[in-house]
Each structure stands twice: as structure tokens, then as C-alpha cells.
């Protein structure tokens, strides 16, 4: 998820990124009810730039973020 989030376009919604990754991974193993509940929760995620700003405080931290991923 973090890799997709970091590489995504600034205009793309976090919830959309999260749903795509979820469907490719965990969603394959969950029942319909769990998938719907998870996607509902994903809709509450903040915008991509807001979420990234919580993880990357300064420009120099971005290189460390790449290493972290």
C-alpha cells in the first residue's frame, strides 16, 4: 500500500489506491461482507497529500521513506 501510495499521482485518491491494493491482496481471502466493510472504512482515509505529509515531514525524509518501503 505504501509503495503504491508513494508512487501514485498527487491527484489520485487514497481510498482508490487502498481499494486497488486490497483487492489484489487480502480481498481475495475475505468474504463479501468483510470486503464491503473494509472498503467502507477505506473511504474515510485522508487525501493522499495529507497522509504523505504525516509520514514525510521534510524533503530529506523522502529518501529515507523510499528505503523504508
Protein backbone atom coordinates (compact mmCIF):
# COMPACT_ATOMS: atom_id res chain seq x y z
CA UNK A 1 0.00 0.00 0.00
CA UNK A 2 2.72 2.47 0.97
CA UNK A 3 4.64 1.80 -2.24
CA UNK A 4 1.55 2.40 -4.36
CA UNK A 5 0.69 5.49 -2.32
CA UNK A 6 4.16 6.97 -2.72
CA UNK A 7 4.32 6.33 -6.47
CA UNK A 8 0.76 7.46 -7.23
CA UNK A 9 -0.18 10.72 -8.88
CA UNK A 10 -0.89 13.56 -6.45
CA UNK A 11 -4.46 13.79 -7.74
CA UNK A 12 -5.32 10.13 -7.07
CA UNK A 13 -7.48 9.43 -4.03
CA UNK A 14 -6.00 7.45 -1.13
CA UNK A 15 -9.16 5.39 -0.86
CA UNK A 16 -8.88 4.36 -4.53
CA UNK A 17 -5.24 3.32 -4.09
CA UNK A 18 -6.07 1.39 -0.94
CA UNK A 19 -9.01 -0.41 -2.55
CA UNK A 20 -6.90 -1.48 -5.54
CA UNK A 21 -4.17 -2.89 -3.31
CA UNK A 22 -6.73 -4.55 -1.02
CA UNK A 23 -8.46 -6.24 -3.96
CA UNK A 24 -5.11 -7.56 -5.23
CA UNK A 25 -4.10 -8.96 -1.84
CA UNK A 26 -6.33 -9.52 1.21
CA UNK A 27 -9.63 -9.06 -0.60
CA UNK A 28 -9.12 -12.41 -2.31
CA UNK A 29 -9.32 -14.13 1.08
CA UNK A 30 -12.23 -12.26 2.68
CA UNK A 31 -15.94 -12.88 2.43
CA UNK A 32 -18.26 -10.44 0.68
CA UNK A 33 -19.34 -8.87 3.99
CA UNK A 34 -15.75 -8.26 5.16
CA UNK A 35 -14.76 -6.79 1.77
CA UNK A 36 -17.68 -4.35 1.88
CA UNK A 37 -16.88 -3.30 5.46
CA UNK A 38 -13.19 -2.85 4.64
CA UNK A 39 -13.97 -0.72 1.59
CA UNK A 40 -16.37 1.40 3.64
CA UNK A 41 -13.55 2.04 6.12
CA UNK A 42 -11.16 2.91 3.30
CA UNK A 43 -13.49 5.70 2.23
CA UNK A 44 -12.60 7.53 5.46
CA UNK A 45 -8.88 7.76 4.63
CA UNK A 46 -7.48 11.29 4.29
CA UNK A 47 -6.32 12.68 0.95
CA UNK A 48 -3.04 11.34 -0.39
CA UNK A 49 -1.06 14.52 0.23
CA UNK A 50 -2.32 14.80 3.81
CA UNK A 51 -1.41 11.20 4.58
CA UNK A 52 2.02 11.57 2.97
CA UNK A 53 2.68 14.77 4.91
CA UNK A 54 2.20 12.83 8.16
CA UNK A 55 4.84 10.32 7.09
CA UNK A 56 7.29 12.65 5.34
CA UNK A 57 7.89 15.78 7.38
CA UNK A 58 10.79 17.25 5.37
CA UNK A 59 12.19 16.82 1.85
CA UNK A 60 15.25 15.00 3.17
CA UNK A 61 12.97 12.39 4.74
CA UNK A 62 11.65 11.32 1.35
CA UNK A 63 14.83 9.37 0.52
CA UNK A 64 14.51 7.57 3.86
CA UNK A 65 10.88 6.80 3.07
CA UNK A 66 11.95 5.07 -0.16
CA UNK A 67 14.41 2.95 1.85
CA UNK A 68 11.71 2.18 4.41
CA UNK A 69 9.36 0.87 1.75
